Amino acid sequence: MKRKKINLNLLVGCFVLLFFLVTMVVSFFYTPYDVNAIAVSNKLQAPSSAHWFGTDPFGRDILSRIMAGTQTAFFVGSVVTLIGVVFGTLIGGFAGYVGGWLDEIIMRAIDALMAFPGIILAIMIVAVFGTGTLNTAIALGILATPGIARIARSGFIQNKQLEYVSAAKSIGVHPLKIIFREILPNIYSPLIVAASVAFAIALLAEASLSYLGLGVQPPDPSLGRMLKESQEYLTTSPWFTLAPGITITLLVLGFYMLSNGIRDLTDHRSK
C-alpha cells in the first residue's frame, strides 16, 4: 500500500500561525511588562532572564511589545483579507458571470489599478484619509481587491460554461442563486489560497507603511515601527532589530507555507 505523503507546508504553516495566534490571545490578558511603560534607566539592555529579548531606547520590554504587536498584525491582516476577498469576489464574480462590455470595463479598471505601484497607492490613500491602524488596513484592503477579483473572474468564466450551470439556468434559477449557491462553492480553493497570500502581503505592507511612519502610530506597538526605531541601533544593539525582524519573517513565511499547503491539498492534479 502506497504511503500517503505528508503535507509539510500545511503542517509547518499551521504550527507557526497557531503559535502566533496563541501569543496574540495571551497578549490581551498578559505581557511580561507594561507595553508602553518607559524606564530610561533600563534602556537598550541586552537579552537576559529579566528581559528575554532585551529593551528598547525607552527601556520598554521588547518581548512585551512584540506580543502586543501581533495584535496589530493580525487585525490589519484580517481586515485586509476580508475587504479583498469580499469585494474582489463580488467584483470579479459579477464581471466573469455577466461578461461582455461590462466585463471589459471592469477588468480594464482593475488592470489600471494593478499597474499602479501598490506601496505608492497605499501612501496616497493613507495621506488622504489619515494614518492609523484602521485606515492602514482599509488602504491595503483596497490594494488586495484587484488580484482576488481576477482570480474570482477566472473561476466564474470557467464554471459558467459547465453543464450544472446551464441546467440551473434552463429551469429558471435566479442568477444570484446560481452565483452564490452553484458557482461560488466550486471556486473556493483558489480563493482560500489567494486569501492566505493576501494576509501575508498585508503583513509586509503594514510593516512597510509603519516603517515609513504612515501606518500604525505610537504608542501603539507595531512590528514595522519597531524596525524603524531600531535602525540606528543596528550595530550597537542588534537584538532590537532581530526580534521584530524575525517575527515578521516567521509570520509571512507561515502564511505562505499555509497557502502552498492548501493549494496542494485542494489541487487534484497534485494527488
Protein backbone atom coordinates (compact mmCIF):
# COMPACT_ATOMS: atom_id res chain seq x y z
CA MET A 1 0.00 0.00 0.00
CA LYS A 2 1.38 3.37 -1.02
CA ARG A 3 2.22 5.59 1.92
CA LYS A 4 0.38 8.91 1.99
CA LYS A 5 2.67 11.88 1.52
CA ILE A 6 2.80 14.35 4.42
CA ASN A 7 1.75 17.88 3.53
CA LEU A 8 4.77 19.54 5.12
CA ASN A 9 3.83 23.07 4.02
CA LEU A 10 0.41 22.82 5.61
CA LEU A 11 1.78 21.24 8.78
CA VAL A 12 4.56 23.79 9.35
CA GLY A 13 2.40 26.74 8.29
CA CYS A 14 -0.38 25.79 10.71
CA PHE A 15 2.11 25.26 13.53
CA VAL A 16 3.78 28.66 13.04
CA LEU A 17 0.49 30.54 12.74
CA LEU A 18 -1.03 28.69 15.71
CA PHE A 19 1.95 29.72 17.81
CA PHE A 20 1.48 33.39 16.93
CA LEU A 21 -2.29 33.18 17.33
CA VAL A 22 -1.81 31.84 20.86
CA THR A 23 0.75 34.59 21.51
CA MET A 24 -1.74 37.21 20.33
CA VAL A 25 -4.55 35.83 22.51
CA VAL A 26 -2.27 35.67 25.55
CA SER A 27 -1.14 39.27 24.97
CA PHE A 28 -4.71 40.50 25.53
CA PHE A 29 -4.50 39.29 29.12
CA TYR A 30 -0.81 39.12 29.95
CA THR A 31 2.55 40.55 28.89
CA PRO A 32 5.72 40.31 30.99
CA TYR A 33 5.78 44.12 31.34
CA ASP A 34 3.54 47.05 30.58
CA VAL A 35 3.81 47.53 26.83
CA ASN A 36 4.18 51.32 27.00
CA ALA A 37 5.93 51.63 30.37
CA ILE A 38 9.03 53.82 29.96
CA ALA A 39 12.06 53.12 32.15
CA VAL A 40 15.01 55.12 30.82
CA SER A 41 17.34 53.52 33.35
CA ASN A 42 16.78 50.16 31.61
CA LYS A 43 17.25 51.38 28.04
CA LEU A 44 18.91 49.11 25.47
CA GLN A 45 19.56 46.26 27.85
CA ALA A 46 20.78 43.05 26.23
CA PRO A 47 18.61 39.91 26.40
CA SER A 48 18.59 38.46 29.89
CA SER A 49 16.42 36.46 32.26
CA ALA A 50 14.60 39.68 33.17
CA HIS A 51 14.07 40.78 29.55
CA TRP A 52 14.28 37.81 27.20
CA PHE A 53 14.51 39.95 24.03
CA GLY A 54 16.16 42.95 25.67
CA THR A 55 14.80 46.51 25.91
CA ASP A 56 14.43 49.42 23.51
CA PRO A 57 15.81 53.01 23.82
CA PHE A 58 12.93 53.89 26.17
CA GLY A 59 13.52 50.92 28.42
CA ARG A 60 10.39 49.13 27.23
CA ASP A 61 10.42 45.35 27.15
CA ILE A 62 10.78 44.19 23.52
CA LEU A 63 9.10 40.81 24.11
CA SER A 64 6.02 42.52 25.55
CA ARG A 65 5.82 44.91 22.61
CA ILE A 66 6.22 42.09 20.08
CA MET A 67 3.43 40.16 21.79
CA ALA A 68 1.18 43.23 21.57
CA GLY A 69 2.40 43.90 18.02
CA THR A 70 0.93 40.60 16.88
CA GLN A 71 -2.50 42.07 17.71
CA THR A 72 -1.91 44.84 15.20
CA ALA A 73 -0.51 42.44 12.61
CA PHE A 74 -3.46 40.05 12.79
CA PHE A 75 -6.01 42.87 12.92
CA VAL A 76 -4.60 44.54 9.81
CA GLY A 77 -4.20 41.22 8.01
CA SER A 78 -7.77 40.15 8.84
CA VAL A 79 -9.33 43.43 7.71
CA VAL A 80 -7.27 43.48 4.51
CA THR A 81 -8.18 39.88 3.69
CA LEU A 82 -11.86 40.44 4.48
CA ILE A 83 -12.07 43.53 2.25
CA GLY A 84 -10.06 41.92 -0.54
CA VAL A 85 -11.98 38.63 -0.57
CA VAL A 86 -15.48 40.10 -0.22
CA PHE A 87 -15.15 42.93 -2.73
CA GLY A 88 -12.76 41.07 -5.01
CA THR A 89 -15.10 38.08 -5.24
CA LEU A 90 -18.15 40.27 -5.83
CA ILE A 91 -16.47 42.41 -8.49
CA GLY A 92 -14.65 39.57 -10.25
CA GLY A 93 -17.61 37.19 -9.99
CA PHE A 94 -20.01 39.76 -11.45
CA ALA A 95 -17.61 40.58 -14.29
CA GLY A 96 -16.99 36.93 -15.10
CA TYR A 97 -20.64 35.88 -14.93
CA VAL A 98 -22.07 38.81 -16.91
CA GLY A 99 -19.26 39.09 -19.46
CA GLY A 100 -19.49 41.38 -22.47
CA TRP A 101 -18.73 45.08 -22.35
CA LEU A 102 -19.29 45.30 -18.58
CA ASP A 103 -16.59 42.69 -18.06
CA GLU A 104 -14.22 44.65 -20.31
CA ILE A 105 -14.81 47.93 -18.47
CA ILE A 106 -14.40 46.38 -15.03
CA MET A 107 -11.27 44.46 -15.94
CA ARG A 108 -9.61 47.43 -17.63
CA ALA A 109 -10.21 49.44 -14.45
CA ILE A 110 -8.69 46.62 -12.40
CA ASP A 111 -5.71 46.39 -14.76
CA ALA A 112 -5.14 50.13 -14.35
CA LEU A 113 -5.26 49.81 -10.58
CA MET A 114 -2.86 46.87 -10.58
CA ALA A 115 -0.44 48.70 -12.90
CA PHE A 116 -0.02 51.45 -10.31
CA PRO A 117 2.75 50.73 -7.75
CA GLY A 118 0.97 49.33 -4.72
CA ILE A 119 3.00 50.97 -1.97
CA ILE A 120 2.69 54.39 -3.60
CA LEU A 121 -1.08 53.99 -3.93
CA ALA A 122 -1.26 52.92 -0.27
CA ILE A 123 0.73 56.00 0.76
CA MET A 124 -1.66 58.19 -1.23
CA ILE A 125 -4.74 56.65 0.40
CA VAL A 126 -3.28 56.92 3.89
CA ALA A 127 -2.23 60.52 3.21
CA VAL A 128 -5.79 61.40 2.20
CA PHE A 129 -7.69 59.57 4.94
CA GLY A 130 -5.08 59.86 7.68
CA THR A 131 -2.76 57.47 9.47
CA GLY A 132 -3.83 54.86 11.99
CA THR A 133 -4.39 51.14 12.21
CA LEU A 134 -7.87 51.04 10.64
CA ASN A 135 -7.06 53.46 7.81
CA THR A 136 -3.92 51.47 7.02
CA ALA A 137 -5.94 48.24 6.89
CA ILE A 138 -8.59 49.79 4.61
CA ALA A 139 -5.96 51.20 2.26
CA LEU A 140 -4.23 47.82 1.99
CA GLY A 141 -7.61 46.08 1.58
CA ILE A 142 -8.31 48.24 -1.48
CA LEU A 143 -4.96 47.16 -2.93
CA ALA A 144 -5.73 43.47 -2.28
CA THR A 145 -9.07 43.60 -4.11
CA PRO A 146 -7.93 43.63 -7.79
CA GLY A 147 -5.79 40.50 -7.56
CA ILE A 148 -8.55 38.48 -5.89
CA ALA A 149 -11.08 39.89 -8.38
CA ARG A 150 -9.06 38.47 -11.28
CA ILE A 151 -8.95 35.04 -9.63
CA ALA A 152 -12.71 35.10 -8.97
CA ARG A 153 -13.42 36.22 -12.54
CA SER A 154 -11.35 33.38 -13.97
CA GLY A 155 -13.23 30.84 -11.83
CA PHE A 156 -16.62 32.21 -12.81
CA ILE A 157 -15.77 32.21 -16.53
CA GLN A 158 -14.66 28.57 -16.35
CA ASN A 159 -17.66 27.36 -14.35
CA LYS A 160 -20.48 29.30 -16.01
CA GLN A 161 -19.94 27.24 -19.18
CA LEU A 162 -20.30 23.89 -17.41
CA GLU A 163 -23.40 21.71 -17.59
CA TYR A 164 -24.58 22.21 -14.00
CA VAL A 165 -24.80 25.98 -14.53
CA SER A 166 -26.59 25.53 -17.87
CA ALA A 167 -29.04 23.17 -16.18
CA ALA A 168 -29.73 25.68 -13.42
CA LYS A 169 -30.37 28.40 -16.00
CA SER A 170 -32.70 26.17 -18.01
CA ILE A 171 -35.02 25.59 -15.06
CA GLY A 172 -35.18 29.29 -14.24
CA VAL A 173 -32.90 29.53 -11.19
CA HIS A 174 -32.27 33.18 -10.25
CA PRO A 175 -28.79 34.42 -11.32
CA LEU A 176 -27.88 35.37 -7.74
CA LYS A 177 -28.63 31.81 -6.59
CA ILE A 178 -26.52 30.45 -9.43
CA ILE A 179 -23.66 32.73 -8.43
CA PHE A 180 -23.72 32.08 -4.68
CA ARG A 181 -25.09 28.52 -4.49
CA GLU A 182 -23.72 26.91 -7.62
CA ILE A 183 -20.54 28.60 -8.84
CA LEU A 184 -19.01 30.15 -5.71
CA PRO A 185 -18.74 26.86 -3.72
CA ASN A 186 -16.80 25.37 -6.65
CA ILE A 187 -14.10 28.05 -6.74
CA TYR A 188 -13.39 28.29 -3.02
CA SER A 189 -9.98 26.60 -3.32
CA PRO A 190 -8.14 29.32 -5.28
CA LEU A 191 -9.89 31.99 -3.23
CA ILE A 192 -8.64 30.47 0.03
CA VAL A 193 -5.11 30.33 -1.34
CA ALA A 194 -5.41 33.94 -2.54
CA ALA A 195 -6.69 35.00 0.89
CA SER A 196 -3.68 33.38 2.60
CA VAL A 197 -1.29 35.15 0.25
CA ALA A 198 -3.16 38.45 0.73
CA PHE A 199 -2.76 38.10 4.50
CA ALA A 200 0.99 37.60 4.16
CA ILE A 201 1.34 40.55 1.77
CA ALA A 202 -0.73 42.69 4.15
CA LEU A 203 1.69 41.95 6.99
CA LEU A 204 4.64 43.08 4.88
CA ALA A 205 2.81 46.15 3.58
CA GLU A 206 1.70 47.21 7.07
CA ALA A 207 5.27 46.84 8.31
CA SER A 208 6.47 48.93 5.35
CA LEU A 209 3.96 51.73 5.97
CA SER A 210 4.71 51.74 9.69
CA TYR A 211 8.42 51.81 8.89
CA LEU A 212 7.78 54.92 6.78
CA GLY A 213 5.79 56.47 9.63
CA LEU A 214 2.47 56.29 7.75
CA GLY A 215 0.96 53.21 9.34
CA VAL A 216 0.27 52.45 12.97
CA GLN A 217 1.11 55.44 15.13
CA PRO A 218 2.83 55.43 18.53
CA PRO A 219 2.35 54.47 21.28
CA ASP A 220 0.54 51.51 19.65
CA PRO A 221 3.10 48.75 19.12
CA SER A 222 3.82 47.75 15.53
CA LEU A 223 6.46 45.36 14.26
CA GLY A 224 7.27 47.67 11.35
CA ARG A 225 7.63 50.71 13.59
CA MET A 226 9.92 48.73 15.89
CA LEU A 227 12.17 48.07 12.90
CA LYS A 228 12.22 51.78 12.10
CA GLU A 229 13.08 52.68 15.69
CA SER A 230 15.86 50.07 15.79
CA GLN A 231 17.60 51.23 12.62
CA GLU A 232 20.15 53.50 14.28
CA TYR A 233 20.98 50.84 16.90
CA LEU A 234 21.63 48.03 14.43
CA THR A 235 25.35 47.73 15.23
CA THR A 236 25.24 48.54 18.94
CA SER A 237 22.00 46.73 19.93
CA PRO A 238 21.23 44.16 17.22
CA TRP A 239 18.64 42.37 19.36
CA PHE A 240 16.34 45.38 18.95
CA THR A 241 16.27 44.75 15.18
CA LEU A 242 16.44 40.97 15.14
CA ALA A 243 13.42 40.35 17.37
CA PRO A 244 10.75 42.18 15.28
CA GLY A 245 12.51 41.28 12.03
CA ILE A 246 12.45 37.55 12.75
CA THR A 247 8.84 37.82 13.94
CA ILE A 248 7.72 39.43 10.68
CA THR A 249 9.69 36.85 8.67
CA LEU A 250 8.12 33.91 10.51
CA LEU A 251 4.60 35.33 10.22
CA VAL A 252 4.91 35.89 6.48
CA LEU A 253 6.61 32.53 5.96
CA GLY A 254 3.84 30.81 7.93
CA PHE A 255 1.10 32.26 5.74
CA TYR A 256 2.97 31.47 2.52
CA MET A 257 3.52 27.87 3.63
CA LEU A 258 -0.14 27.66 4.62
CA SER A 259 -1.23 28.89 1.18
CA ASN A 260 1.05 26.36 -0.53
CA GLY A 261 -0.25 23.60 1.73
CA ILE A 262 -3.88 24.45 0.99
CA ARG A 263 -3.13 24.57 -2.72
CA ASP A 264 -1.50 21.13 -2.61
CA LEU A 265 -4.38 19.76 -0.54
CA THR A 266 -7.12 21.01 -2.86
CA ASP A 267 -5.40 20.71 -6.23
CA HIS A 268 -6.46 17.37 -7.68
CA ARG A 269 -3.52 17.41 -10.07
CA SER A 270 -1.10 17.11 -7.14
CA LYS A 271 -2.74 13.95 -5.80
